[in-house]
């Protein structure tokens, strides 16, 4: 049996990202272009690199999904449904917990590493 290889989350050169934008009905400010490089998928876990232009949109995580991310460049702000906000910049990481509802705001063009985990139903 072949030994699985370690996946580095900083090697995107030469790889084609998935391009998208927040859905129009979720946009609060702007229509930012987003790029996603999914570098690992196994069972309930996916991981990779994500880049986005400044903008703001509503997010709603299902009760079984959570995300850990680490900001490499830029700055983001997460606004919860109660109005509190948390700013995350270079060198900082955060977890978006299951069931989180609020808004995701990119203050400065961002590049982050992410790990999504689906906990099942």
C-alpha atoms as a PDB file:
ATOM      1  CA  UNK A   1       0.000   0.000   0.000  1.00  0.00           C
ATOM      2  CA  UNK A   2       1.315   3.435  -0.953  1.00  0.00           C
ATOM      3  CA  UNK A   3       1.971   5.817   1.934  1.00  0.00           C
ATOM      4  CA  UNK A   4      -0.309   8.912   1.751  1.00  0.00           C
ATOM      5  CA  UNK A   5       1.597  12.133   1.085  1.00  0.00           C
ATOM      6  CA  UNK A   6       1.577  15.163   3.329  1.00  0.00           C
ATOM      7  CA  UNK A   7      -0.475  17.992   1.793  1.00  0.00           C
ATOM      8  CA  UNK A   8       1.080  21.446   1.982  1.00  0.00           C
ATOM      9  CA  UNK A   9      -1.440  24.278   1.982  1.00  0.00           C
ATOM     10  CA  UNK A  10       0.808  26.861   0.357  1.00  0.00           C
ATOM     11  CA  UNK A  11       1.509  25.314  -3.042  1.00  0.00           C
ATOM     12  CA  UNK A  12      -0.934  26.776  -5.557  1.00  0.00           C
ATOM     13  CA  UNK A  13       1.495  27.740  -8.355  1.00  0.00           C
ATOM     14  CA  UNK A  14       0.370  26.201 -11.623  1.00  0.00           C
ATOM     15  CA  UNK A  15      -2.942  24.979 -10.196  1.00  0.00           C
ATOM     16  CA  UNK A  16      -6.250  26.309 -11.508  1.00  0.00           C
ATOM     17  CA  UNK A  17      -8.527  27.758  -8.828  1.00  0.00           C
ATOM     18  CA  UNK A  18     -12.307  27.701  -8.807  1.00  0.00           C
ATOM     19  CA  UNK A  19     -13.616  31.246  -9.441  1.00  0.00           C
ATOM     20  CA  UNK A  20     -16.865  32.534  -7.978  1.00  0.00           C
ATOM     21  CA  UNK A  21     -18.618  35.433  -6.245  1.00  0.00           C
ATOM     22  CA  UNK A  22     -21.043  35.618  -3.335  1.00  0.00           C
ATOM     23  CA  UNK A  23     -24.583  34.942  -4.489  1.00  0.00           C
ATOM     24  CA  UNK A  24     -26.328  38.167  -5.448  1.00  0.00           C
ATOM     25  CA  UNK A  25     -29.043  37.707  -2.797  1.00  0.00           C
ATOM     26  CA  UNK A  26     -26.349  37.526  -0.075  1.00  0.00           C
ATOM     27  CA  UNK A  27     -24.272  40.539  -1.131  1.00  0.00           C
ATOM     28  CA  UNK A  28     -24.157  43.481   1.268  1.00  0.00           C
ATOM     29  CA  UNK A  29     -21.306  45.456  -0.307  1.00  0.00           C
ATOM     30  CA  UNK A  30     -19.596  44.871  -3.644  1.00  0.00           C
ATOM     31  CA  UNK A  31     -19.420  41.769  -5.804  1.00  0.00           C
ATOM     32  CA  UNK A  32     -15.964  40.436  -4.923  1.00  0.00           C
ATOM     33  CA  UNK A  33     -14.171  37.849  -7.016  1.00  0.00           C
ATOM     34  CA  UNK A  34     -13.142  34.778  -5.031  1.00  0.00           C
ATOM     35  CA  UNK A  35     -10.612  32.059  -5.865  1.00  0.00           C
ATOM     36  CA  UNK A  36     -10.496  28.671  -4.156  1.00  0.00           C
ATOM     37  CA  UNK A  37      -7.800  26.027  -4.467  1.00  0.00           C
ATOM     38  CA  UNK A  38      -9.067  22.844  -2.806  1.00  0.00           C
ATOM     39  CA  UNK A  39      -5.860  20.932  -2.168  1.00  0.00           C
ATOM     40  CA  UNK A  40      -7.189  18.112   0.020  1.00  0.00           C
ATOM     41  CA  UNK A  41     -10.489  16.249   0.313  1.00  0.00           C
ATOM     42  CA  UNK A  42     -10.966  13.150   2.456  1.00  0.00           C
ATOM     43  CA  UNK A  43     -14.221  12.134   4.094  1.00  0.00           C
ATOM     44  CA  UNK A  44     -15.652  15.062   6.045  1.00  0.00           C
ATOM     45  CA  UNK A  45     -12.556  17.270   5.647  1.00  0.00           C
ATOM     46  CA  UNK A  46     -11.494  19.599   2.857  1.00  0.00           C
ATOM     47  CA  UNK A  47      -8.604  22.062   2.951  1.00  0.00           C
ATOM     48  CA  UNK A  48      -6.915  24.562   0.712  1.00  0.00           C
ATOM     49  CA  UNK A  49      -6.265  28.206  -0.048  1.00  0.00           C
ATOM     50  CA  UNK A  50      -8.816  30.966  -0.615  1.00  0.00           C
ATOM     51  CA  UNK A  51      -8.381  34.500  -1.952  1.00  0.00           C
ATOM     52  CA  UNK A  52     -10.940  37.285  -2.161  1.00  0.00           C
ATOM     53  CA  UNK A  53     -11.263  40.951  -3.096  1.00  0.00           C
ATOM     54  CA  UNK A  54     -12.830  43.451  -0.650  1.00  0.00           C
ATOM     55  CA  UNK A  55     -16.571  43.118  -0.159  1.00  0.00           C
ATOM     56  CA  UNK A  56     -19.197  41.955   2.338  1.00  0.00           C
ATOM     57  CA  UNK A  57     -21.891  39.258   2.221  1.00  0.00           C
ATOM     58  CA  UNK A  58     -24.188  37.262   4.493  1.00  0.00           C
ATOM     59  CA  UNK A  59     -23.158  33.755   5.554  1.00  0.00           C
ATOM     60  CA  UNK A  60     -25.042  30.964   7.315  1.00  0.00           C
ATOM     61  CA  UNK A  61     -23.141  27.824   8.309  1.00  0.00           C
ATOM     62  CA  UNK A  62     -25.230  24.654   8.621  1.00  0.00           C
ATOM     63  CA  UNK A  63     -25.266  23.076  12.112  1.00  0.00           C
ATOM     64  CA  UNK A  64     -22.924  20.297  10.953  1.00  0.00           C
ATOM     65  CA  UNK A  65     -20.242  22.453   9.254  1.00  0.00           C
ATOM     66  CA  UNK A  66     -17.346  24.400  10.759  1.00  0.00           C
ATOM     67  CA  UNK A  67     -14.263  26.087   9.352  1.00  0.00           C
ATOM     68  CA  UNK A  68     -10.815  26.809  10.709  1.00  0.00           C
ATOM     69  CA  UNK A  69      -8.857  29.414   8.735  1.00  0.00           C
ATOM     70  CA  UNK A  70      -5.514  31.167   8.993  1.00  0.00           C
ATOM     71  CA  UNK A  71      -5.017  34.568   7.332  1.00  0.00           C
ATOM     72  CA  UNK A  72      -1.780  34.839   5.348  1.00  0.00           C
ATOM     73  CA  UNK A  73      -2.369  38.298   3.831  1.00  0.00           C
ATOM     74  CA  UNK A  74      -5.067  40.932   4.137  1.00  0.00           C
ATOM     75  CA  UNK A  75      -7.748  41.455   6.730  1.00  0.00           C
ATOM     76  CA  UNK A  76     -11.284  40.159   7.286  1.00  0.00           C
ATOM     77  CA  UNK A  77     -14.053  40.920   9.714  1.00  0.00           C
ATOM     78  CA  UNK A  78     -16.798  38.518  10.819  1.00  0.00           C
ATOM     79  CA  UNK A  79     -20.050  40.072  12.038  1.00  0.00           C
ATOM     80  CA  UNK A  80     -22.348  37.847  14.073  1.00  0.00           C
ATOM     81  CA  UNK A  81     -26.138  38.059  14.054  1.00  0.00           C
ATOM     82  CA  UNK A  82     -26.112  39.974  17.374  1.00  0.00           C
ATOM     83  CA  UNK A  83     -23.956  42.748  15.878  1.00  0.00           C
ATOM     84  CA  UNK A  84     -20.582  41.873  17.433  1.00  0.00           C
ATOM     85  CA  UNK A  85     -17.607  41.691  15.085  1.00  0.00           C
ATOM     86  CA  UNK A  86     -14.191  40.059  15.121  1.00  0.00           C
ATOM     87  CA  UNK A  87     -11.308  41.223  12.927  1.00  0.00           C
ATOM     88  CA  UNK A  88      -8.662  38.735  11.788  1.00  0.00           C
ATOM     89  CA  UNK A  89      -5.401  39.714  10.088  1.00  0.00           C
ATOM     90  CA  UNK A  90      -2.098  38.228   8.938  1.00  0.00           C
ATOM     91  CA  UNK A  91      -0.784  35.496  11.200  1.00  0.00           C
ATOM     92  CA  UNK A  92      -4.108  35.043  12.978  1.00  0.00           C
ATOM     93  CA  UNK A  93      -6.465  32.096  12.815  1.00  0.00           C
ATOM     94  CA  UNK A  94     -10.118  31.647  13.712  1.00  0.00           C
ATOM     95  CA  UNK A  95     -12.886  29.073  13.763  1.00  0.00           C
ATOM     96  CA  UNK A  96     -16.334  29.721  12.310  1.00  0.00           C
ATOM     97  CA  UNK A  97     -18.460  27.406  14.476  1.00  0.00           C
ATOM     98  CA  UNK A  98     -21.330  25.210  13.340  1.00  0.00           C
ATOM     99  CA  UNK A  99     -24.563  27.157  12.941  1.00  0.00           C
ATOM    100  CA  UNK A 100     -22.857  30.576  12.724  1.00  0.00           C
ATOM    101  CA  UNK A 101     -24.937  33.240  10.995  1.00  0.00           C
ATOM    102  CA  UNK A 102     -23.761  36.720  10.161  1.00  0.00           C
ATOM    103  CA  UNK A 103     -21.671  38.527   7.586  1.00  0.00           C
ATOM    104  CA  UNK A 104     -18.195  37.961   6.165  1.00  0.00           C
ATOM    105  CA  UNK A 105     -16.368  41.170   5.255  1.00  0.00           C
ATOM    106  CA  UNK A 106     -13.068  41.379   3.405  1.00  0.00           C
ATOM    107  CA  UNK A 107     -11.449  44.680   4.398  1.00  0.00           C
ATOM    108  CA  UNK A 108      -8.200  44.188   2.438  1.00  0.00           C
ATOM    109  CA  UNK A 109      -7.692  41.617  -0.326  1.00  0.00           C
ATOM    110  CA  UNK A 110      -7.196  38.383   1.599  1.00  0.00           C
ATOM    111  CA  UNK A 111      -5.385  35.089   1.155  1.00  0.00           C
ATOM    112  CA  UNK A 112      -6.102  32.428   3.736  1.00  0.00           C
ATOM    113  CA  UNK A 113      -5.646  28.738   4.353  1.00  0.00           C
ATOM    114  CA  UNK A 114      -8.827  26.908   5.305  1.00  0.00           C
ATOM    115  CA  UNK A 115      -9.981  23.588   6.689  1.00  0.00           C
ATOM    116  CA  UNK A 116     -13.700  22.739   6.426  1.00  0.00           C
ATOM    117  CA  UNK A 117     -15.139  19.905   8.510  1.00  0.00           C
ATOM    118  CA  UNK A 118     -18.602  18.427   7.999  1.00  0.00           C
ATOM    119  CA  UNK A 119     -19.647  16.738  11.220  1.00  0.00           C
ATOM    120  CA  UNK A 120     -22.481  14.744   9.642  1.00  0.00           C
ATOM    121  CA  UNK A 121     -26.144  14.940  10.499  1.00  0.00           C
END
